[in-house]
Amino acid sequence: MVAKDLDVDASGLMSAAADSVAVAGDVLAGGFDGPVTARPSGAGIAAFEAASATARTRVSVRIAGQAGAVAAASDHYDATDGGSADAISVTM
């Protein structure tokens, strides 16, 4: 049986998590600009924008939550890997 190497780039995971938080912010930045009440379809546009804002908020919260989980996993991996390396060096 051949051992499989596990190579985790913890700093890359942290970078990806930070990028995801930025994406979550971009999701919230969308929306319709300008007054809609003066338009004939203003009520429909306003209702759609409200529903869209709710959906964007939910997506943003989900992305940010997943980014937090990736960051936590990266920290946990670093702590576990470092502890294992210390234990091996003491044993040897």
C-alpha atoms as a PDB file:
ATOM      1  CA  MET A   1       0.000   0.000   0.000  1.00  0.00           C
ATOM      2  CA  VAL A   2       1.387   3.371  -1.001  1.00  0.00           C
ATOM      3  CA  ALA A   3       0.960   6.242   1.429  1.00  0.00           C
ATOM      4  CA  LYS A   4      -0.781   9.287   0.046  1.00  0.00           C
ATOM      5  CA  ASP A   5       0.717  12.654   0.827  1.00  0.00           C
ATOM      6  CA  LEU A   6      -1.575  15.384   2.053  1.00  0.00           C
ATOM      7  CA  ASP A   7      -0.386  18.839   1.158  1.00  0.00           C
ATOM      8  CA  VAL A   8      -2.565  21.612   2.554  1.00  0.00           C
ATOM      9  CA  ASP A   9      -1.791  25.246   1.879  1.00  0.00           C
ATOM     10  CA  ALA A  10      -3.284  26.829   4.997  1.00  0.00           C
ATOM     11  CA  SER A  11      -2.352  30.347   3.899  1.00  0.00           C
ATOM     12  CA  GLY A  12      -4.076  29.675   0.574  1.00  0.00           C
ATOM     13  CA  LEU A  13      -7.211  28.598   2.442  1.00  0.00           C
ATOM     14  CA  MET A  14      -7.112  31.792   4.494  1.00  0.00           C
ATOM     15  CA  SER A  15      -6.683  33.833   1.318  1.00  0.00           C
ATOM     16  CA  ALA A  16      -9.622  32.042  -0.307  1.00  0.00           C
ATOM     17  CA  ALA A  17     -11.734  32.715   2.780  1.00  0.00           C
ATOM     18  CA  ALA A  18     -10.870  36.425   2.635  1.00  0.00           C
ATOM     19  CA  ASP A  19     -11.725  36.510  -1.071  1.00  0.00           C
ATOM     20  CA  SER A  20     -15.061  34.857  -0.295  1.00  0.00           C
ATOM     21  CA  VAL A  21     -15.875  37.531   2.273  1.00  0.00           C
ATOM     22  CA  ALA A  22     -15.213  40.147  -0.423  1.00  0.00           C
ATOM     23  CA  VAL A  23     -17.529  38.278  -2.803  1.00  0.00           C
ATOM     24  CA  ALA A  24     -20.206  38.221  -0.101  1.00  0.00           C
ATOM     25  CA  GLY A  25     -19.919  42.002   0.117  1.00  0.00           C
ATOM     26  CA  ASP A  26     -20.208  42.310  -3.664  1.00  0.00           C
ATOM     27  CA  VAL A  27     -23.406  40.254  -3.613  1.00  0.00           C
ATOM     28  CA  LEU A  28     -24.975  42.792  -1.259  1.00  0.00           C
ATOM     29  CA  ALA A  29     -23.813  45.704  -3.399  1.00  0.00           C
ATOM     30  CA  GLY A  30     -26.124  44.765  -6.281  1.00  0.00           C
ATOM     31  CA  GLY A  31     -29.549  46.215  -6.791  1.00  0.00           C
ATOM     32  CA  PHE A  32     -31.468  48.753  -8.764  1.00  0.00           C
ATOM     33  CA  ASP A  33     -30.294  52.355  -8.648  1.00  0.00           C
ATOM     34  CA  GLY A  34     -32.632  55.285  -9.017  1.00  0.00           C
ATOM     35  CA  PRO A  35     -36.236  56.091  -8.205  1.00  0.00           C
ATOM     36  CA  VAL A  36     -38.800  53.605  -9.462  1.00  0.00           C
ATOM     37  CA  THR A  37     -42.044  55.136  -8.218  1.00  0.00           C
ATOM     38  CA  ALA A  38     -42.341  57.531 -11.174  1.00  0.00           C
ATOM     39  CA  ARG A  39     -42.331  54.676 -13.658  1.00  0.00           C
ATOM     40  CA  PRO A  40     -45.551  52.923 -14.694  1.00  0.00           C
ATOM     41  CA  SER A  41     -44.137  49.623 -13.501  1.00  0.00           C
ATOM     42  CA  GLY A  42     -42.664  51.176 -10.351  1.00  0.00           C
ATOM     43  CA  ALA A  43     -44.649  49.036  -7.906  1.00  0.00           C
ATOM     44  CA  GLY A  44     -43.552  45.847  -9.655  1.00  0.00           C
ATOM     45  CA  ILE A  45     -39.944  46.981  -9.811  1.00  0.00           C
ATOM     46  CA  ALA A  46     -39.999  47.918  -6.120  1.00  0.00           C
ATOM     47  CA  ALA A  47     -41.481  44.525  -5.151  1.00  0.00           C
ATOM     48  CA  PHE A  48     -38.928  42.671  -7.264  1.00  0.00           C
ATOM     49  CA  GLU A  49     -36.089  44.747  -5.797  1.00  0.00           C
ATOM     50  CA  ALA A  50     -37.259  43.941  -2.257  1.00  0.00           C
ATOM     51  CA  ALA A  51     -37.337  40.216  -3.026  1.00  0.00           C
ATOM     52  CA  SER A  52     -33.970  40.472  -4.754  1.00  0.00           C
ATOM     53  CA  ALA A  53     -32.457  42.285  -1.768  1.00  0.00           C
ATOM     54  CA  THR A  54     -33.674  39.516   0.545  1.00  0.00           C
ATOM     55  CA  ALA A  55     -32.152  36.859  -1.698  1.00  0.00           C
ATOM     56  CA  ARG A  56     -28.861  38.780  -1.964  1.00  0.00           C
ATOM     57  CA  THR A  57     -28.699  39.079   1.815  1.00  0.00           C
ATOM     58  CA  ARG A  58     -29.244  35.342   2.278  1.00  0.00           C
ATOM     59  CA  VAL A  59     -26.587  34.482  -0.322  1.00  0.00           C
ATOM     60  CA  SER A  60     -24.155  36.944   1.223  1.00  0.00           C
ATOM     61  CA  VAL A  61     -24.675  35.519   4.717  1.00  0.00           C
ATOM     62  CA  ARG A  62     -24.188  31.981   3.392  1.00  0.00           C
ATOM     63  CA  ILE A  63     -20.961  32.873   1.546  1.00  0.00           C
ATOM     64  CA  ALA A  64     -19.589  34.693   4.588  1.00  0.00           C
ATOM     65  CA  GLY A  65     -20.499  31.747   6.827  1.00  0.00           C
ATOM     66  CA  GLN A  66     -18.756  29.292   4.538  1.00  0.00           C
ATOM     67  CA  ALA A  67     -15.718  31.574   4.392  1.00  0.00           C
ATOM     68  CA  GLY A  68     -15.632  31.540   8.181  1.00  0.00           C
ATOM     69  CA  ALA A  69     -15.764  27.746   8.159  1.00  0.00           C
ATOM     70  CA  VAL A  70     -12.841  27.591   5.693  1.00  0.00           C
ATOM     71  CA  ALA A  71     -10.818  29.976   7.852  1.00  0.00           C
ATOM     72  CA  ALA A  72     -11.576  27.915  10.972  1.00  0.00           C
ATOM     73  CA  ALA A  73     -10.623  24.694   9.173  1.00  0.00           C
ATOM     74  CA  SER A  74      -7.349  26.271   8.083  1.00  0.00           C
ATOM     75  CA  ASP A  75      -6.566  27.329  11.659  1.00  0.00           C
ATOM     76  CA  HIS A  76      -7.495  23.875  12.958  1.00  0.00           C
ATOM     77  CA  TYR A  77      -5.315  22.171  10.338  1.00  0.00           C
ATOM     78  CA  ASP A  78      -2.365  24.412  11.193  1.00  0.00           C
ATOM     79  CA  ALA A  79      -2.762  23.690  14.909  1.00  0.00           C
ATOM     80  CA  THR A  80      -3.119  19.940  14.387  1.00  0.00           C
ATOM     81  CA  ASP A  81      -0.273  19.708  11.883  1.00  0.00           C
ATOM     82  CA  GLY A  82       2.027  21.768  14.069  1.00  0.00           C
ATOM     83  CA  GLY A  83       1.172  19.704  17.135  1.00  0.00           C
ATOM     84  CA  SER A  84       1.771  16.464  15.265  1.00  0.00           C
ATOM     85  CA  ALA A  85       5.119  17.715  13.967  1.00  0.00           C
ATOM     86  CA  ASP A  86       6.135  18.664  17.513  1.00  0.00           C
ATOM     87  CA  ALA A  87       5.069  15.245  18.840  1.00  0.00           C
ATOM     88  CA  ILE A  88       7.051  13.435  16.150  1.00  0.00           C
ATOM     89  CA  SER A  89      10.184  15.498  16.784  1.00  0.00           C
ATOM     90  CA  VAL A  90       9.987  14.760  20.534  1.00  0.00           C
ATOM     91  CA  THR A  91       9.493  11.040  19.890  1.00  0.00           C
ATOM     92  CA  MET A  92      12.473  10.835  17.590  1.00  0.00           C
END
